[in-house]
Amino acid sequence: MPMNFPEKRTLIISLRKLKYHVSRAAIYEFEDVISACDSVDLLELDYHPEFFKVTNNLSNQALHFSKISQYLNPLPGRKIEIKKEYEVLFFFSQSIKDILALNSVKGWRSKCKFAICWMDEIWEKDIEKYRNHLNLLDQFDAIFMNFSSSLDEVQKLLKRPCYPIHYGVDALAFTHPQVPTRSIDMLSVGRRSSITHESMVELADTGDFFYVYDTLNGLNMKYYKYHRSLYKNLLKRSNFVLVNKAKFDLLGTSNPQEEVGPRFFEGAASGAIMLGYAPVCQPFQENFDWPDAVIDIPFDCPNIGEVLQDLRSQTERLESIRRNSMVNALLRHDWVYRWEYILTTCGLDSLPILSKRKAQLQEVSQGLNPLHESWVEN
């Protein structure tokens, strides 16, 4: 019997009212971009956040010892029923532990013709540990993964189609056609080298150097849109930004996997010069293939002041980097391209409104007048 789709063809199940860690702001941004370029109903799972931390942890701990996953509801007493029929369901699972939240939604699989999951962070070394969790993904028709090194093992386990995908950014929001004054000398967000950090703190305390960095231990947002707005405006006003491979401080002989974190995409879109330790992996080479996309510096860089002074004298080089980074972000790394890729891979049509966003990205990129158009893929 054919399904009767409502006016909204896509259902997104979001955790934005359950999980407030700063790392999730980009995910919710992606959901917003999808909503702007498709026909979407957004289902925001809602529960008391502090109570959810407890119930979610207990449910996920239980899943390590039990395969009766359908009874493990991290939102006890809450069961949302989907009454409409949809062509597409999309769920972004940043952590494999997110997947249990779907047990609070009755009919999510039967009411949706095509179910798609983006599985974000699953390290290859943890696949066996989370076998029972990963088995829950077998209800999806397609799984997209940005941790490319883990894809083959997950696909072998699930025997479900798994596809590589790259992170993205709202390039229209992070790129400023008329670049504002870059009054921030250096921006550092998240994990960092204590040696490099101390050197820049000293520069800020003793000289004409504006260094913006994290000072708090708590990493929960009050509201993701405000956090995202603050972050993008800091980036657009920064000369340089420190970037590093995903979870770089956890890498070593026990975890040699190198992956591309979202800050590379965000830094490129903003036009800030990215300095740091780039991951050695094919996804990075594919996505950041223009000259000086990231300028390598030692992880521990006590002479960072001298490095910055030398770079500041290379005005033409820096201007070229900024323009090429922003143009590549606009033409290749906006979230709309990720959604289009997902739909195309799954044999689904995109809506005309998606093309309008792509045209807007193209228009903004042309206004930037890149110095070396041959470095940009159209």
Protein backbone atom coordinates (compact mmCIF):
# COMPACT_ATOMS: atom_id res chain seq x y z
CA MET A 1 0.00 0.00 0.00
CA PRO A 2 1.58 3.35 -1.01
CA MET A 3 2.42 5.85 1.69
CA ASN A 4 0.60 9.18 1.72
CA PHE A 5 3.12 11.91 2.43
CA PRO A 6 2.09 15.16 4.14
CA GLU A 7 3.00 18.63 2.93
CA LYS A 8 6.30 18.22 4.80
CA ARG A 9 8.17 15.31 3.26
CA THR A 10 11.15 15.12 5.66
CA LEU A 11 11.13 14.42 9.38
CA ILE A 12 14.19 15.40 11.41
CA ILE A 13 14.41 14.04 14.95
CA SER A 14 16.58 16.45 16.94
CA LEU A 15 18.23 16.31 20.36
CA ARG A 16 18.61 20.10 20.63
CA LYS A 17 16.42 20.22 23.75
CA LEU A 18 18.23 17.33 25.40
CA LYS A 19 21.94 17.85 24.77
CA TYR A 20 23.64 21.21 25.18
CA HIS A 21 27.34 20.49 24.80
CA VAL A 22 29.04 23.13 22.63
CA SER A 23 30.17 20.48 20.13
CA ARG A 24 26.53 19.95 19.16
CA ALA A 25 25.90 23.52 18.00
CA ALA A 26 27.16 22.70 14.50
CA ILE A 27 24.81 19.71 14.28
CA TYR A 28 21.79 21.82 15.14
CA GLU A 29 23.01 24.38 12.60
CA PHE A 30 23.00 21.62 9.97
CA GLU A 31 19.44 20.69 10.90
CA ASP A 32 18.45 24.34 10.46
CA VAL A 33 20.06 24.48 7.00
CA ILE A 34 18.20 21.31 5.96
CA SER A 35 14.98 22.88 7.21
CA ALA A 36 15.69 25.95 5.08
CA CYS A 37 16.33 24.00 1.85
CA ASP A 38 13.84 21.14 2.14
CA SER A 39 10.27 20.57 3.33
CA VAL A 40 10.79 19.62 6.97
CA ASP A 41 8.96 18.81 10.19
CA LEU A 42 11.40 19.15 13.10
CA LEU A 43 10.66 16.86 16.05
CA GLU A 44 12.52 18.17 19.10
CA LEU A 45 12.73 15.49 21.77
CA ASP A 46 12.11 17.17 25.11
CA TYR A 47 12.84 16.04 28.65
CA HIS A 48 14.32 17.44 31.84
CA PRO A 49 18.01 17.83 30.86
CA GLU A 50 19.49 16.89 34.24
CA PHE A 51 17.20 13.89 34.66
CA PHE A 52 17.96 12.86 31.08
CA LYS A 53 21.68 12.69 31.87
CA VAL A 54 20.92 10.04 34.48
CA THR A 55 18.35 8.02 32.54
CA ASN A 56 20.37 8.16 29.32
CA ASN A 57 23.50 6.96 31.09
CA LEU A 58 21.62 4.08 32.79
CA SER A 59 19.99 3.01 29.52
CA ASN A 60 23.27 3.02 27.64
CA GLN A 61 25.06 1.13 30.39
CA ALA A 62 22.33 -1.51 30.29
CA LEU A 63 22.76 -1.87 26.54
CA HIS A 64 26.32 -3.10 27.06
CA PHE A 65 24.87 -6.18 28.78
CA SER A 66 21.58 -6.66 26.96
CA LYS A 67 20.42 -6.91 23.37
CA ILE A 68 16.79 -6.13 24.23
CA SER A 69 17.32 -2.62 23.00
CA GLN A 70 13.71 -1.75 22.12
CA TYR A 71 12.80 -1.58 25.83
CA LEU A 72 15.60 0.78 26.79
CA ASN A 73 14.01 4.21 26.69
CA PRO A 74 16.24 7.01 28.05
CA LEU A 75 13.11 9.20 28.26
CA PRO A 76 11.04 7.05 30.66
CA GLY A 77 7.35 7.86 30.66
CA ARG A 78 7.70 9.78 27.39
CA LYS A 79 6.50 8.17 24.16
CA ILE A 80 5.91 10.38 21.13
CA GLU A 81 3.79 8.91 18.35
CA ILE A 82 4.34 9.83 14.71
CA LYS A 83 0.95 9.91 13.04
CA LYS A 84 1.91 11.28 9.62
CA GLU A 85 3.81 9.49 6.91
CA TYR A 86 7.08 10.88 5.59
CA GLU A 87 9.28 10.17 2.62
CA VAL A 88 12.52 10.79 4.54
CA LEU A 89 13.59 10.53 8.16
CA PHE A 90 16.93 12.05 9.17
CA PHE A 91 18.70 11.60 12.48
CA PHE A 92 22.13 12.99 13.35
CA SER A 93 23.81 10.82 15.98
CA GLN A 94 26.88 12.65 17.25
CA SER A 95 27.56 9.86 19.74
CA ILE A 96 26.57 6.24 19.34
CA LYS A 97 24.83 6.68 22.70
CA ASP A 98 22.34 9.06 21.06
CA ILE A 99 20.62 6.30 19.15
CA LEU A 100 18.59 5.03 22.13
CA ALA A 101 16.61 8.27 22.15
CA LEU A 102 14.71 6.96 19.13
CA ASN A 103 13.03 4.44 21.42
CA SER A 104 10.97 7.32 22.76
CA VAL A 105 9.43 7.87 19.30
CA LYS A 106 6.71 5.41 18.38
CA GLY A 107 6.42 4.59 14.69
CA TRP A 108 9.55 6.41 13.54
CA ARG A 109 10.53 3.51 11.31
CA SER A 110 7.13 2.38 10.02
CA LYS A 111 5.94 5.91 9.23
CA CYS A 112 9.00 6.88 7.21
CA LYS A 113 9.72 5.40 3.79
CA PHE A 114 13.47 6.06 3.87
CA ALA A 115 15.46 6.38 7.11
CA ILE A 116 18.88 8.04 7.09
CA CYS A 117 21.37 8.36 9.95
CA TRP A 118 24.53 10.45 10.10
CA MET A 119 26.83 8.71 12.57
CA ASP A 120 29.39 11.26 13.66
CA GLU A 121 31.98 10.15 16.17
CA ILE A 122 32.78 6.45 16.34
CA TRP A 123 36.44 5.57 16.69
CA GLU A 124 37.59 2.32 15.11
CA LYS A 125 39.03 1.15 18.44
CA ASP A 126 35.57 1.48 20.06
CA ILE A 127 33.51 -0.42 17.50
CA GLU A 128 33.59 -3.74 19.35
CA LYS A 129 32.86 -2.04 22.66
CA TYR A 130 29.71 -0.49 21.25
CA ARG A 131 28.60 -3.47 19.15
CA ASN A 132 25.13 -3.59 20.76
CA HIS A 133 24.68 0.13 20.20
CA LEU A 134 25.76 -0.06 16.58
CA ASN A 135 23.34 -2.90 15.91
CA LEU A 136 20.52 -0.42 16.48
CA LEU A 137 21.55 1.27 13.24
CA ASP A 138 20.32 -1.72 11.23
CA GLN A 139 16.89 -0.06 11.13
CA PHE A 140 18.25 2.63 8.81
CA ASP A 141 18.36 2.36 5.03
CA ALA A 142 21.58 4.38 4.79
CA ILE A 143 24.27 5.43 7.25
CA PHE A 144 26.66 8.30 6.58
CA MET A 145 29.92 8.55 8.51
CA ASN A 146 32.51 11.33 8.66
CA PHE A 147 35.01 9.14 10.52
CA SER A 148 36.19 7.53 7.31
CA SER A 149 38.62 5.07 8.91
CA SER A 150 35.79 3.45 10.86
CA LEU A 151 33.40 3.03 7.94
CA ASP A 152 34.46 -0.39 6.64
CA GLU A 153 34.29 -2.05 10.04
CA VAL A 154 30.87 -0.59 10.81
CA GLN A 155 29.57 -1.71 7.43
CA LYS A 156 30.86 -5.25 8.00
CA LEU A 157 29.14 -5.36 11.38
CA LEU A 158 25.78 -4.02 10.22
CA LYS A 159 25.69 -5.22 6.64
CA ARG A 160 23.95 -1.95 5.85
CA PRO A 161 25.01 0.64 3.25
CA CYS A 162 27.52 3.03 4.84
CA TYR A 163 28.77 6.07 2.95
CA PRO A 164 31.58 8.54 3.66
CA ILE A 165 30.62 12.15 4.25
CA HIS A 166 32.50 15.25 5.33
CA TYR A 167 31.64 17.83 7.93
CA GLY A 168 30.40 21.20 6.75
CA VAL A 169 29.48 24.71 7.85
CA ASP A 170 26.84 27.35 7.27
CA ALA A 171 29.12 29.21 4.88
CA LEU A 172 26.61 32.00 4.34
CA ALA A 173 26.75 32.77 8.05
CA PHE A 174 30.49 32.28 8.60
CA THR A 175 31.70 34.12 5.48
CA HIS A 176 31.54 37.89 5.41
CA PRO A 177 31.69 39.34 1.86
CA GLN A 178 32.84 42.70 3.21
CA VAL A 179 35.38 41.43 5.73
CA PRO A 180 35.12 43.33 9.03
CA THR A 181 38.18 44.60 10.87
CA ARG A 182 40.12 41.62 12.16
CA SER A 183 40.80 43.02 15.60
CA ILE A 184 41.53 39.63 17.22
CA ASP A 185 45.10 38.52 16.67
CA MET A 186 44.60 34.87 17.64
CA LEU A 187 41.56 32.74 18.45
CA SER A 188 41.92 29.40 20.23
CA VAL A 189 38.90 27.21 20.95
CA GLY A 190 38.96 23.83 22.67
CA ARG A 191 41.96 21.54 23.13
CA ARG A 192 45.36 23.22 22.90
CA SER A 193 49.04 22.89 23.70
CA SER A 194 49.82 24.35 27.10
CA ILE A 195 53.23 25.50 25.83
CA THR A 196 51.81 27.39 22.82
CA HIS A 197 49.01 28.77 24.97
CA GLU A 198 51.33 30.09 27.69
CA SER A 199 53.46 31.82 25.08
CA MET A 200 50.43 33.65 23.68
CA VAL A 201 49.11 34.56 27.12
CA GLU A 202 52.48 36.20 27.78
CA LEU A 203 52.26 38.07 24.47
CA ALA A 204 48.79 39.33 25.39
CA ASP A 205 49.87 40.38 28.89
CA THR A 206 53.03 42.21 27.83
CA GLY A 207 52.42 43.51 24.32
CA ASP A 208 49.94 44.69 21.71
CA PHE A 209 48.39 41.27 21.13
CA PHE A 210 44.71 40.35 21.47
CA TYR A 211 44.38 36.66 22.28
CA VAL A 212 40.89 35.13 22.73
CA TYR A 213 40.66 31.67 24.27
CA ASP A 214 38.57 29.39 26.51
CA THR A 215 38.83 29.99 30.25
CA LEU A 216 35.91 27.94 31.57
CA ASN A 217 35.68 24.23 32.29
CA GLY A 218 31.92 23.92 31.69
CA LEU A 219 31.04 23.30 28.05
CA ASN A 220 27.25 23.47 27.99
CA MET A 221 25.39 26.10 25.98
CA LYS A 222 22.42 28.10 27.18
CA TYR A 223 21.14 28.36 23.59
CA TYR A 224 22.89 26.92 20.56
CA LYS A 225 22.04 29.80 18.20
CA TYR A 226 23.61 32.38 20.51
CA HIS A 227 26.71 30.22 20.93
CA ARG A 228 27.01 29.75 17.18
CA SER A 229 26.52 33.47 16.57
CA LEU A 230 29.25 34.40 19.04
CA TYR A 231 31.65 31.83 17.61
CA LYS A 232 31.17 32.85 13.97
CA ASN A 233 31.60 36.54 14.81
CA LEU A 234 34.79 35.86 16.73
CA LEU A 235 36.14 33.86 13.80
CA LYS A 236 35.26 36.52 11.23
CA ARG A 237 37.17 39.07 13.29
CA SER A 238 40.25 36.90 13.87
CA ASN A 239 43.50 37.13 11.96
CA PHE A 240 44.61 33.65 12.97
CA VAL A 241 42.93 30.63 14.50
CA LEU A 242 44.49 27.51 15.98
CA VAL A 243 43.21 24.21 14.54
CA ASN A 244 44.12 20.59 15.22
CA LYS A 245 43.02 17.14 14.17
CA ALA A 246 40.01 15.66 15.97
CA LYS A 247 40.81 14.66 19.58
CA PHE A 248 44.50 15.19 18.85
CA ASP A 249 45.44 14.88 22.52
CA LEU A 250 43.98 11.35 22.63
CA LEU A 251 46.00 10.06 19.69
CA GLY A 252 48.93 7.76 20.17
CA THR A 253 49.90 4.15 19.81
CA SER A 254 46.53 3.07 21.24
CA ASN A 255 44.58 5.27 18.82
CA PRO A 256 46.45 6.23 15.64
CA GLN A 257 43.26 7.22 13.81
CA GLU A 258 43.36 10.74 12.37
CA GLU A 259 40.13 12.53 11.45
CA VAL A 260 39.07 16.00 10.31
CA GLY A 261 37.22 18.03 12.92
CA PRO A 262 34.62 20.73 12.15
CA ARG A 263 36.93 23.65 13.03
CA PHE A 264 38.77 23.32 9.74
CA PHE A 265 35.56 23.95 7.80
CA GLU A 266 34.55 26.81 10.10
CA GLY A 267 37.98 28.40 9.98
CA ALA A 268 38.10 28.27 6.19
CA ALA A 269 34.66 29.82 5.84
CA SER A 270 35.59 32.71 8.11
CA GLY A 271 38.78 33.55 6.24
CA ALA A 272 40.88 33.36 9.40
CA ILE A 273 44.37 31.99 8.71
CA MET A 274 44.45 28.47 10.14
CA LEU A 275 47.59 27.48 12.04
CA GLY A 276 48.09 24.06 13.54
CA TYR A 277 48.51 20.39 13.16
CA ALA A 278 46.49 19.08 10.21
CA PRO A 279 45.36 15.43 10.12
CA VAL A 280 47.16 13.10 7.76
CA CYS A 281 44.25 11.42 6.00
CA GLN A 282 42.54 11.39 2.61
CA PRO A 283 39.44 13.39 3.70
CA PHE A 284 41.66 16.31 4.70
CA GLN A 285 43.56 16.19 1.40
CA GLU A 286 40.27 16.10 -0.54
CA ASN A 287 38.62 18.96 1.32
CA PHE A 288 41.54 21.33 1.91
CA ASP A 289 43.56 21.00 -1.27
CA TRP A 290 44.39 24.67 -1.89
CA PRO A 291 47.80 26.14 -1.01
CA ASP A 292 48.29 27.06 2.65
CA ALA A 293 44.80 25.91 3.66
CA VAL A 294 46.47 25.17 7.00
CA ILE A 295 49.90 26.50 7.85
CA ASP A 296 51.71 23.86 9.84
CA ILE A 297 53.30 24.86 13.12
CA PRO A 298 54.68 22.57 15.82
CA PHE A 299 52.08 21.46 18.35
CA ASP A 300 54.29 22.87 21.11
CA CYS A 301 55.37 26.23 19.69
CA PRO A 302 57.05 28.44 22.31
CA ASN A 303 58.14 30.90 19.61
CA ILE A 304 54.62 31.46 18.27
CA GLY A 305 55.18 35.23 18.48
CA GLU A 306 58.04 35.06 15.98
CA VAL A 307 55.97 32.82 13.69
CA LEU A 308 53.10 35.31 13.66
CA GLN A 309 55.41 38.28 13.12
CA ASP A 310 56.91 36.59 10.06
CA LEU A 311 53.47 35.72 8.65
CA ARG A 312 52.13 39.24 9.13
CA SER A 313 54.86 40.55 6.84
CA GLN A 314 53.57 38.33 3.99
CA THR A 315 50.49 40.40 3.18
CA GLU A 316 49.84 39.07 -0.32
CA ARG A 317 50.17 35.46 0.80
CA LEU A 318 47.72 35.95 3.66
CA GLU A 319 45.18 37.70 1.43
CA SER A 320 45.38 34.84 -1.05
CA ILE A 321 44.80 32.28 1.72
CA ARG A 322 41.79 34.16 3.08
CA ARG A 323 40.06 34.51 -0.26
CA ASN A 324 40.69 30.96 -1.39
CA SER A 325 39.56 29.55 1.94
CA MET A 326 36.30 31.48 1.89
CA VAL A 327 35.56 30.70 -1.76
CA ASN A 328 36.22 26.99 -1.28
CA ALA A 329 33.94 26.98 1.76
CA LEU A 330 31.16 28.71 -0.18
CA LEU A 331 31.42 26.45 -3.23
CA ARG A 332 32.22 23.13 -1.58
CA HIS A 333 31.63 23.00 2.16
CA ASP A 334 28.30 24.60 2.94
CA TRP A 335 25.86 22.22 4.67
CA VAL A 336 23.59 22.36 1.61
CA TYR A 337 26.11 20.31 -0.37
CA ARG A 338 26.11 17.64 2.34
CA TRP A 339 22.31 17.40 2.26
CA GLU A 340 22.32 17.28 -1.54
CA TYR A 341 24.93 14.50 -1.43
CA ILE A 342 22.84 12.52 1.06
CA LEU A 343 19.72 12.81 -1.09
CA THR A 344 21.55 11.95 -4.32
CA THR A 345 23.31 8.96 -2.76
CA CYS A 346 19.98 7.62 -1.54
CA GLY A 347 18.27 8.17 -4.90
CA LEU A 348 16.07 10.96 -3.55
CA ASP A 349 15.24 14.20 -5.33
CA SER A 350 16.21 17.58 -3.93
CA LEU A 351 13.68 20.41 -3.89
CA PRO A 352 13.98 23.62 -5.96
CA ILE A 353 14.60 25.64 -2.80
CA LEU A 354 17.93 23.85 -2.41
CA SER A 355 19.10 25.26 -5.74
CA LYS A 356 18.29 28.77 -4.53
CA ARG A 357 20.72 28.41 -1.64
CA LYS A 358 23.42 27.10 -3.98
CA ALA A 359 22.88 30.09 -6.26
CA GLN A 360 23.25 32.43 -3.29
CA LEU A 361 26.51 30.75 -2.30
CA GLN A 362 27.77 31.15 -5.85
CA GLU A 363 26.85 34.84 -5.88
CA VAL A 364 28.68 35.53 -2.60
CA SER A 365 31.76 33.66 -3.83
CA GLN A 366 31.91 35.76 -7.00
CA GLY A 367 31.91 38.89 -4.89
CA LEU A 368 35.07 37.72 -3.14
CA ASN A 369 37.02 37.75 -6.44
CA PRO A 370 39.52 34.95 -5.66
CA LEU A 371 43.08 35.59 -6.74
CA HIS A 372 43.57 32.08 -8.11
CA GLU A 373 40.33 30.71 -9.51
CA SER A 374 42.07 27.55 -10.72
CA TRP A 375 42.40 26.45 -7.11
CA VAL A 376 38.63 26.37 -6.64
CA GLU A 377 36.49 23.41 -7.67
CA ASN A 378 33.10 24.41 -9.08
